[in-house]
Amino acid sequence: QVQLAESGGGLVQAGGSLRVSCAASGRTLSAYAMGWFRQAPGAQRELVARITSGGSTYYADSVKGRFTISRNMAKNTVFLQMNSLKPEDTAVYYCAAGNLFAGIASSAYDYWGQGTQVTVSS
């Protein structure tokens, strides 16, 4: 199994940037596809970005061009760089680990962090 711990959330003004991190322990990230999900109040949890063990990335249309998912394999950490933030990006952001072919469905992800709050003010 793998344990995931998010960090780096906070309050940022619209147009600003923030990087959230997900530190993995127990197993190397190379064994998983890694996804970043978010859940806004009253909304469903949605995938915003995913990276496979081979480095292939996926982004939701709502964040494409603004967010970048990356990994530091030596430190067993995955990052989500968020630029040009909008108030609608406000949510709890969750890191998740899934099978090597995990797509966009949350059911494909087996392990979850506790989440980190990102709040974007207008």
Protein backbone atom coordinates (compact mmCIF):
# COMPACT_ATOMS: atom_id res chain seq x y z
CA GLN A 1 0.00 0.00 0.00
CA VAL A 2 0.91 3.63 -0.21
CA GLN A 3 0.14 6.48 2.15
CA LEU A 4 -0.43 9.95 0.74
CA ALA A 5 -0.17 13.30 2.46
CA GLU A 6 -1.03 16.59 0.77
CA SER A 7 0.38 19.96 1.70
CA GLY A 8 0.73 23.44 0.29
CA GLY A 9 -2.86 24.60 0.24
CA GLY A 10 -3.83 28.04 1.36
CA LEU A 11 -5.41 31.34 0.45
CA VAL A 12 -4.43 33.07 -2.77
CA GLN A 13 -5.84 35.94 -4.79
CA ALA A 14 -7.36 35.39 -8.20
CA GLY A 15 -4.66 35.35 -10.84
CA GLY A 16 -2.11 34.06 -8.39
CA SER A 17 -0.30 30.76 -8.18
CA LEU A 18 -0.01 27.95 -5.72
CA ARG A 19 1.71 24.58 -5.68
CA VAL A 20 0.29 21.69 -3.75
CA SER A 21 2.38 18.65 -2.95
CA CYS A 22 1.63 15.02 -2.28
CA ALA A 23 4.22 13.01 -0.41
CA ALA A 24 3.96 9.26 -0.76
CA SER A 25 5.27 6.67 1.62
CA GLY A 26 5.12 2.90 1.73
CA ARG A 27 5.64 2.35 -1.99
CA THR A 28 7.26 4.24 -4.80
CA LEU A 29 5.11 6.43 -7.02
CA SER A 30 6.36 4.50 -10.02
CA ALA A 31 3.87 1.76 -9.12
CA TYR A 32 0.88 4.05 -9.63
CA ALA A 33 -0.87 6.53 -11.78
CA MET A 34 -1.31 9.64 -9.66
CA GLY A 35 -4.29 11.92 -9.79
CA TRP A 36 -5.23 15.24 -8.30
CA PHE A 37 -8.92 15.60 -7.53
CA ARG A 38 -10.82 18.49 -6.08
CA GLN A 39 -14.13 18.87 -4.35
CA ALA A 40 -15.86 22.19 -3.93
CA PRO A 41 -18.63 22.68 -1.36
CA GLY A 42 -21.80 20.96 -2.53
CA ALA A 43 -20.09 19.54 -5.62
CA GLN A 44 -18.86 16.14 -6.68
CA ARG A 45 -15.24 15.23 -6.50
CA GLU A 46 -13.65 15.68 -9.90
CA LEU A 47 -10.32 14.81 -11.44
CA VAL A 48 -8.30 17.84 -12.44
CA ALA A 49 -5.02 16.19 -13.45
CA ARG A 50 -3.43 12.77 -13.74
CA ILE A 51 0.04 11.51 -14.47
CA THR A 52 0.96 7.92 -15.25
CA SER A 53 4.11 6.13 -14.22
CA GLY A 54 5.35 6.75 -17.75
CA GLY A 55 4.76 10.48 -17.50
CA SER A 56 1.64 10.77 -19.64
CA THR A 57 -0.60 13.57 -18.38
CA TYR A 58 -4.27 14.39 -18.46
CA TYR A 59 -5.97 17.65 -17.53
CA ALA A 60 -9.57 18.59 -17.16
CA ASP A 61 -10.64 21.20 -19.66
CA SER A 62 -11.31 23.64 -16.86
CA VAL A 63 -7.65 23.68 -15.81
CA LYS A 64 -5.84 22.93 -19.06
CA GLY A 65 -3.15 25.47 -19.72
CA ARG A 66 -3.18 26.69 -16.12
CA PHE A 67 -2.30 23.62 -14.05
CA THR A 68 0.69 21.34 -14.38
CA ILE A 69 1.12 17.97 -12.72
CA SER A 70 4.63 16.68 -12.17
CA ARG A 71 6.62 14.18 -10.14
CA ASN A 72 9.88 14.04 -8.31
CA MET A 73 10.53 10.33 -8.28
CA ALA A 74 13.62 10.60 -6.10
CA LYS A 75 11.56 12.27 -3.38
CA ASN A 76 8.47 10.15 -4.05
CA THR A 77 6.40 13.29 -4.41
CA VAL A 78 3.83 14.52 -6.91
CA PHE A 79 3.02 18.18 -7.41
CA LEU A 80 0.23 20.25 -8.86
CA GLN A 81 1.34 23.69 -9.96
CA MET A 82 -1.68 25.94 -10.21
CA ASN A 83 -1.35 29.21 -12.10
CA SER A 84 -3.84 31.90 -13.06
CA LEU A 85 -6.10 30.75 -10.27
CA LYS A 86 -9.78 31.59 -10.36
CA PRO A 87 -12.34 31.70 -7.55
CA GLU A 88 -13.99 28.63 -9.06
CA ASP A 89 -10.80 26.70 -8.35
CA THR A 90 -11.61 26.93 -4.65
CA ALA A 91 -11.90 23.40 -3.32
CA VAL A 92 -10.29 20.77 -1.20
CA TYR A 93 -7.61 19.18 -3.34
CA TYR A 94 -6.95 15.48 -2.92
CA CYS A 95 -4.05 13.38 -4.07
CA ALA A 96 -4.91 9.84 -5.16
CA ALA A 97 -3.02 6.79 -6.35
CA GLY A 98 -4.54 4.33 -8.78
CA ASN A 99 -3.67 1.49 -11.07
CA LEU A 100 -1.20 2.16 -13.84
CA PHE A 101 -4.01 2.71 -16.35
CA ALA A 102 -6.30 4.79 -14.17
CA GLY A 103 -8.35 7.31 -16.09
CA ILE A 104 -10.62 10.01 -14.80
CA ALA A 105 -13.03 8.03 -12.63
CA SER A 106 -12.43 8.29 -8.91
CA SER A 107 -13.26 4.60 -8.56
CA ALA A 108 -10.02 3.78 -10.34
CA TYR A 109 -8.00 5.23 -7.49
CA ASP A 110 -7.28 3.06 -4.49
CA TYR A 111 -5.49 5.37 -2.09
CA TRP A 112 -6.32 8.90 -1.05
CA GLY A 113 -4.79 11.65 0.97
CA GLN A 114 -6.71 13.73 3.47
CA GLY A 115 -6.89 16.78 1.24
CA THR A 116 -5.60 20.31 1.40
CA GLN A 117 -7.78 23.40 1.18
CA VAL A 118 -7.19 25.84 -1.65
CA THR A 119 -9.13 29.08 -1.47
CA VAL A 120 -9.00 31.65 -4.25
CA SER A 121 -10.34 35.08 -3.44
CA SER A 122 -11.71 37.46 -6.04
